[in-house]
């Protein structure tokens, strides 16, 4: 079977992985008169009467977050999808450290994936900052921040129509202090270390491809040809509560370089960490926002088939 864009699809697919087109009949949209987060009424200024959540207009197609020259990121709709379902949140505490980076990629087969990504990113960033303030160790902080984000994503109201899953998102988050990056994730958003002397992918995707290759069932080259190659096996959402404990890795920063978090809208176009390192080295700008823009533009020039999000910490 093929989507109208020409990409291969499976009979039970609910959306096209290539262009994001829904493959199931959808109900007509209804006027928004209730809070998108909890379902309560909205006051005259656009705030929820119960939880205070502000009903904001749709996220801009292009979002830039600039903390300073060392910490920044970009999220872009790309060229094929109708909206940006990615989000990022960044924070630097105590003038220099710790630094907190979060990238989320809303699951397109779920309801309100854009709101799920925004909620998870902002909640996780705030929870990590609060955990650091009270002296919680970084790994414990990641776990508790993901649990808080999961609770907030589960509280997003949705129609439960049966055609789509509850609001869901992938997530990768890092807290960096005193030369150590503690990174947690669910799904296939990734973290990389890039420097003049070394480069490596720091996370392992929670995906069908990664699991079948690791099990020796099929080669990576063969797996990449499957329509299921991009299917994720873990995520943050109400339908995955029991499997929402993040994988966590601690990475000792070896020298000066760049910690990069990104969604699959970027890494789908890179061959490996060495290719990403080459792109970073060729960037005309060396600060965080300059490198973020360079990498997003690279993905757009390659086709921009998915939303693209990049967060960069220069160390």
Protein backbone atom coordinates (compact mmCIF):
# COMPACT_ATOMS: atom_id res chain seq x y z
CA UNK A 1 0.00 0.00 0.00
CA UNK A 2 1.11 3.54 -0.64
CA UNK A 3 0.29 6.94 0.81
CA UNK A 4 -0.64 9.77 -1.55
CA UNK A 5 2.97 10.97 -1.13
CA UNK A 6 4.24 7.66 -2.50
CA UNK A 7 5.63 6.27 0.77
CA UNK A 8 4.99 2.64 1.73
CA UNK A 9 2.36 2.12 4.44
CA UNK A 10 0.91 -0.85 6.32
CA UNK A 11 -2.78 -1.76 6.36
CA UNK A 12 -3.15 -0.86 10.05
CA UNK A 13 -1.13 2.38 9.92
CA UNK A 14 -3.04 5.38 11.21
CA UNK A 15 -0.77 7.99 9.67
CA UNK A 16 2.00 8.18 7.09
CA UNK A 17 5.47 8.12 8.67
CA UNK A 18 6.80 10.02 5.67
CA UNK A 19 4.48 13.01 5.40
CA UNK A 20 2.23 12.73 8.47
CA UNK A 21 -1.02 12.42 6.50
CA UNK A 22 -3.79 10.76 8.63
CA UNK A 23 -4.86 7.42 7.12
CA UNK A 24 -8.09 7.05 9.09
CA UNK A 25 -11.36 8.92 8.76
CA UNK A 26 -11.32 11.97 10.99
CA UNK A 27 -14.18 13.78 12.68
CA UNK A 28 -14.77 17.45 11.89
CA UNK A 29 -13.09 19.84 14.29
CA UNK A 30 -15.16 21.36 17.04
CA UNK A 31 -14.88 24.82 18.54
CA UNK A 32 -12.43 25.07 21.42
CA UNK A 33 -14.50 26.12 24.42
CA UNK A 34 -12.79 23.94 27.01
CA UNK A 35 -9.30 23.76 28.43
CA UNK A 36 -7.06 21.64 26.22
CA UNK A 37 -5.30 20.33 29.34
CA UNK A 38 -8.07 19.43 31.83
CA UNK A 39 -11.36 20.05 30.02
CA UNK A 40 -12.64 22.82 32.36
CA UNK A 41 -14.11 26.13 31.17
CA UNK A 42 -12.10 29.08 29.82
CA UNK A 43 -12.29 32.61 31.25
CA UNK A 44 -12.51 35.82 29.23
CA UNK A 45 -8.71 36.18 29.08
CA UNK A 46 -8.16 32.70 27.73
CA UNK A 47 -7.08 30.99 30.95
CA UNK A 48 -8.56 27.76 32.33
CA UNK A 49 -10.86 28.41 35.30
CA UNK A 50 -9.62 25.25 37.02
CA UNK A 51 -5.93 24.63 36.28
CA UNK A 52 -4.88 28.05 34.93
CA UNK A 53 -3.50 26.67 31.66
CA UNK A 54 -3.46 29.36 28.99
CA UNK A 55 -5.10 28.44 25.70
CA UNK A 56 -2.36 29.59 23.39
CA UNK A 57 -2.52 29.84 19.63
CA UNK A 58 -0.80 27.04 17.70
CA UNK A 59 2.96 26.82 18.15
CA UNK A 60 4.83 28.78 15.53
CA UNK A 61 6.29 26.76 12.72
CA UNK A 62 9.75 28.01 13.69
CA UNK A 63 10.70 28.29 17.36
CA UNK A 64 14.04 29.55 18.64
CA UNK A 65 15.14 29.40 22.28
CA UNK A 66 18.34 31.34 23.07
CA UNK A 67 19.61 31.29 26.66
CA UNK A 68 23.07 32.63 25.74
CA UNK A 69 25.88 31.86 23.28
CA UNK A 70 26.48 28.46 24.93
CA UNK A 71 22.91 27.18 25.18
CA UNK A 72 20.23 27.47 22.48
CA UNK A 73 17.98 25.48 20.17
CA UNK A 74 15.61 25.55 17.19
CA UNK A 75 12.40 23.68 16.39
CA UNK A 76 11.02 23.79 12.85
CA UNK A 77 7.89 22.37 11.20
CA UNK A 78 9.89 21.09 8.25
CA UNK A 79 8.54 21.01 4.71
CA UNK A 80 5.97 18.18 4.68
CA UNK A 81 4.01 18.19 7.94
CA UNK A 82 1.12 20.60 8.43
CA UNK A 83 2.20 21.63 11.94
CA UNK A 84 5.14 21.43 14.31
CA UNK A 85 4.59 18.63 16.84
CA UNK A 86 8.10 18.93 18.33
CA UNK A 87 9.07 21.14 21.25
CA UNK A 88 12.17 22.04 23.25
CA UNK A 89 12.89 23.63 26.62
CA UNK A 90 16.22 24.92 27.93
CA UNK A 91 17.39 26.40 31.21
CA UNK A 92 20.67 27.48 32.79
CA UNK A 93 20.77 27.87 36.57
CA UNK A 94 23.14 29.67 38.90
CA UNK A 95 24.60 31.75 36.01
CA UNK A 96 26.59 28.89 34.47
CA UNK A 97 25.46 25.44 35.61
CA UNK A 98 23.70 23.15 35.71
CA UNK A 99 22.41 23.35 32.14
CA UNK A 100 19.14 21.62 31.29
CA UNK A 101 18.08 20.56 27.79
CA UNK A 102 14.83 18.80 26.80
CA UNK A 103 13.63 17.79 23.32
CA UNK A 104 10.24 16.16 22.71
CA UNK A 105 8.68 14.79 19.52
CA UNK A 106 4.91 14.34 19.69
CA UNK A 107 3.69 10.95 18.46
CA UNK A 108 1.75 11.65 15.25
CA UNK A 109 -0.61 8.68 15.74
CA UNK A 110 -1.85 10.19 19.03
CA UNK A 111 -4.27 13.03 19.74
CA UNK A 112 -2.79 16.48 20.40
CA UNK A 113 0.83 15.39 19.91
CA UNK A 114 1.95 19.01 19.78
CA UNK A 115 0.46 19.73 23.20
CA UNK A 116 1.92 16.49 24.60
CA UNK A 117 5.40 17.50 23.44
CA UNK A 118 5.08 21.04 24.81
CA UNK A 119 3.69 19.85 28.14
CA UNK A 120 6.38 17.19 28.57
CA UNK A 121 9.26 19.50 27.62
CA UNK A 122 8.23 22.38 29.86
CA UNK A 123 7.29 20.14 32.79
CA UNK A 124 10.53 18.17 32.65
CA UNK A 125 12.69 21.28 32.41
CA UNK A 126 10.99 22.88 35.42
CA UNK A 127 11.06 19.65 37.46
CA UNK A 128 14.78 19.18 36.81
CA UNK A 129 15.48 22.74 37.93
CA UNK A 130 13.44 22.22 41.11
CA UNK A 131 15.19 18.91 41.82
CA UNK A 132 18.60 20.55 41.50
CA UNK A 133 17.54 23.33 43.88
CA UNK A 134 16.83 20.79 46.64
CA UNK A 135 20.00 18.79 46.00
CA UNK A 136 18.48 15.68 44.39
CA UNK A 137 21.06 13.60 42.48
CA UNK A 138 20.85 13.85 38.71
CA UNK A 139 19.65 10.31 37.92
CA UNK A 140 16.92 10.50 40.53
CA UNK A 141 15.99 13.96 39.23
CA UNK A 142 15.57 12.59 35.69
CA UNK A 143 13.27 9.81 36.91
CA UNK A 144 11.12 12.10 39.04
CA UNK A 145 10.96 14.73 36.28
CA UNK A 146 9.76 12.14 33.75
CA UNK A 147 7.15 10.91 36.23
CA UNK A 148 5.86 14.46 36.67
CA UNK A 149 5.81 14.99 32.91
CA UNK A 150 3.95 11.72 32.41
CA UNK A 151 1.29 12.77 34.93
CA UNK A 152 0.79 16.10 33.17
CA UNK A 153 0.63 14.50 29.71
CA UNK A 154 -1.94 12.00 31.03
CA UNK A 155 -4.04 14.94 32.26
CA UNK A 156 -4.40 16.39 28.75
CA UNK A 157 -8.04 15.97 27.73
CA UNK A 158 -8.80 14.09 24.52
CA UNK A 159 -11.81 12.61 22.75
CA UNK A 160 -10.84 8.93 23.06
CA UNK A 161 -12.41 8.32 19.64
CA UNK A 162 -10.63 5.03 19.05
CA UNK A 163 -8.95 6.24 15.87
CA UNK A 164 -6.02 7.79 17.71
CA UNK A 165 -4.05 6.99 20.86
CA UNK A 166 -3.97 9.29 23.92
CA UNK A 167 -1.62 12.32 23.70
CA UNK A 168 1.92 10.97 23.60
CA UNK A 169 5.48 12.08 22.92
CA UNK A 170 9.07 10.90 22.82
CA UNK A 171 11.46 12.69 25.14
CA UNK A 172 15.20 13.09 25.68
CA UNK A 173 16.50 15.27 28.52
CA UNK A 174 19.93 16.12 29.88
CA UNK A 175 21.16 17.85 33.02
CA UNK A 176 24.83 18.87 32.80
CA UNK A 177 26.98 19.98 35.71
CA UNK A 178 30.59 19.65 36.85
CA UNK A 179 31.66 17.88 33.67
CA UNK A 180 28.97 15.18 33.81
CA UNK A 181 25.95 14.92 31.52
CA UNK A 182 23.11 12.78 32.86
CA UNK A 183 20.77 11.89 30.02
CA UNK A 184 17.38 10.18 30.13
CA UNK A 185 15.06 9.19 27.30
CA UNK A 186 11.97 7.38 26.08
CA UNK A 187 11.58 6.84 22.34
CA UNK A 188 13.90 7.79 19.50
CA UNK A 189 14.86 11.39 20.15
CA UNK A 190 18.62 11.32 20.60
CA UNK A 191 21.66 12.83 22.33
CA UNK A 192 25.12 13.12 20.72
CA UNK A 193 28.55 14.25 21.85
CA UNK A 194 30.53 16.06 19.16
CA UNK A 195 34.06 17.47 19.53
CA UNK A 196 37.20 17.92 17.47
CA UNK A 197 38.60 14.69 18.91
CA UNK A 198 35.61 12.39 19.33
CA UNK A 199 31.97 11.91 18.43
CA UNK A 200 29.35 9.43 19.53
CA UNK A 201 25.66 8.80 19.90
CA UNK A 202 24.88 8.74 23.63
CA UNK A 203 21.38 7.23 23.54
CA UNK A 204 19.92 4.04 22.08
CA UNK A 205 16.57 4.33 20.31
CA UNK A 206 13.52 2.62 21.78
CA UNK A 207 12.47 1.43 18.33
CA UNK A 208 11.53 -1.68 16.36
CA UNK A 209 14.68 -1.32 14.26
CA UNK A 210 17.02 -1.16 17.25
CA UNK A 211 15.39 -4.14 18.94
CA UNK A 212 15.35 -6.53 15.95
CA UNK A 213 18.94 -5.64 15.03
CA UNK A 214 20.12 -6.10 18.63
CA UNK A 215 18.35 -9.47 18.76
CA UNK A 216 20.16 -10.57 15.60
CA UNK A 217 16.91 -11.20 13.75
CA UNK A 218 17.79 -9.01 10.79
CA UNK A 219 20.63 -6.77 9.59
CA UNK A 220 20.41 -3.01 10.07
CA UNK A 221 20.42 -2.51 6.30
CA UNK A 222 17.46 -4.87 5.92
CA UNK A 223 15.63 -3.35 8.87
CA UNK A 224 15.95 0.14 7.42
CA UNK A 225 13.93 -1.00 4.39
CA UNK A 226 10.96 -2.09 6.51
CA UNK A 227 7.90 0.17 6.87
CA UNK A 228 8.27 -0.48 10.60
CA UNK A 229 11.80 0.94 10.73
CA UNK A 230 10.67 4.12 12.49
CA UNK A 231 8.17 2.50 14.84
CA UNK A 232 8.98 3.43 18.44
CA UNK A 233 8.53 0.91 21.26
CA UNK A 234 8.51 3.26 24.26
CA UNK A 235 7.10 6.75 24.78
CA UNK A 236 5.49 9.09 27.30
CA UNK A 237 1.70 8.78 27.30
CA UNK A 238 -1.36 7.41 29.09
CA UNK A 239 -1.21 4.17 27.09
CA UNK A 240 2.38 3.46 28.20
CA UNK A 241 2.36 4.29 31.90
CA UNK A 242 3.80 0.96 33.04
CA UNK A 243 6.77 1.25 30.68
CA UNK A 244 7.60 4.92 31.25
CA UNK A 245 10.75 4.51 33.35
CA UNK A 246 13.47 6.26 31.33
CA UNK A 247 16.74 4.77 30.22
CA UNK A 248 19.54 6.82 31.80
CA UNK A 249 23.21 7.21 30.94
CA UNK A 250 25.95 9.32 32.54
CA UNK A 251 28.57 10.76 30.21
CA UNK A 252 31.80 12.38 31.38
CA UNK A 253 32.55 15.39 29.20
CA UNK A 254 36.06 14.61 27.87
CA UNK A 255 37.02 17.98 26.42
CA UNK A 256 35.50 21.04 24.80
CA UNK A 257 32.73 20.28 22.34
CA UNK A 258 28.99 20.13 21.85
CA UNK A 259 26.19 18.19 23.52
CA UNK A 260 23.40 17.93 20.94
CA UNK A 261 19.85 16.72 21.55
CA UNK A 262 17.60 16.27 18.52
CA UNK A 263 14.45 14.70 17.11
CA UNK A 264 14.44 12.18 14.25
CA UNK A 265 13.69 15.01 11.84
CA UNK A 266 17.45 15.69 11.96
CA UNK A 267 19.10 12.32 12.55
CA UNK A 268 17.10 10.62 9.80
CA UNK A 269 19.28 12.54 7.36
CA UNK A 270 22.61 11.79 9.03
CA UNK A 271 24.54 8.61 8.32
CA UNK A 272 26.09 8.38 11.78
CA UNK A 273 27.71 10.47 14.52
CA UNK A 274 30.73 11.14 12.28
CA UNK A 275 28.46 12.66 9.64
CA UNK A 276 26.82 14.88 12.29
CA UNK A 277 30.28 15.91 13.53
CA UNK A 278 31.23 16.90 10.00
CA UNK A 279 28.12 19.07 9.70
CA UNK A 280 28.93 20.77 13.01
CA UNK A 281 32.53 21.41 12.00
CA UNK A 282 31.36 22.97 8.72
CA UNK A 283 28.91 25.32 10.43
CA UNK A 284 29.83 28.96 9.70
CA UNK A 285 28.85 29.90 13.25
CA UNK A 286 30.35 28.35 16.38
CA UNK A 287 27.80 29.43 18.98
CA UNK A 288 24.83 27.30 20.04
CA UNK A 289 22.13 29.06 18.03
CA UNK A 290 24.32 29.19 14.93
CA UNK A 291 24.97 25.45 15.02
CA UNK A 292 21.30 24.74 15.73
CA UNK A 293 20.25 26.78 12.70
CA UNK A 294 22.86 25.09 10.51
CA UNK A 295 21.65 21.59 11.43
CA UNK A 296 17.97 22.45 10.95
CA UNK A 297 18.72 24.01 7.58
CA UNK A 298 20.64 20.87 6.59
CA UNK A 299 17.57 18.71 7.33
CA UNK A 300 15.30 21.09 5.40
CA UNK A 301 17.66 20.96 2.41
CA UNK A 302 17.52 17.16 2.58
CA UNK A 303 13.74 17.20 2.23
CA UNK A 304 12.41 18.23 5.64
CA UNK A 305 9.97 15.30 5.73
CA UNK A 306 9.45 15.56 9.50
CA UNK A 307 9.49 18.23 12.19
CA UNK A 308 13.10 19.12 13.07
CA UNK A 309 14.33 20.05 16.54
CA UNK A 310 17.91 20.64 17.70
CA UNK A 311 19.21 21.79 21.11
CA UNK A 312 22.92 22.58 21.55
CA UNK A 313 25.10 23.11 24.62
CA UNK A 314 28.63 24.37 23.91
CA UNK A 315 31.13 23.15 26.50
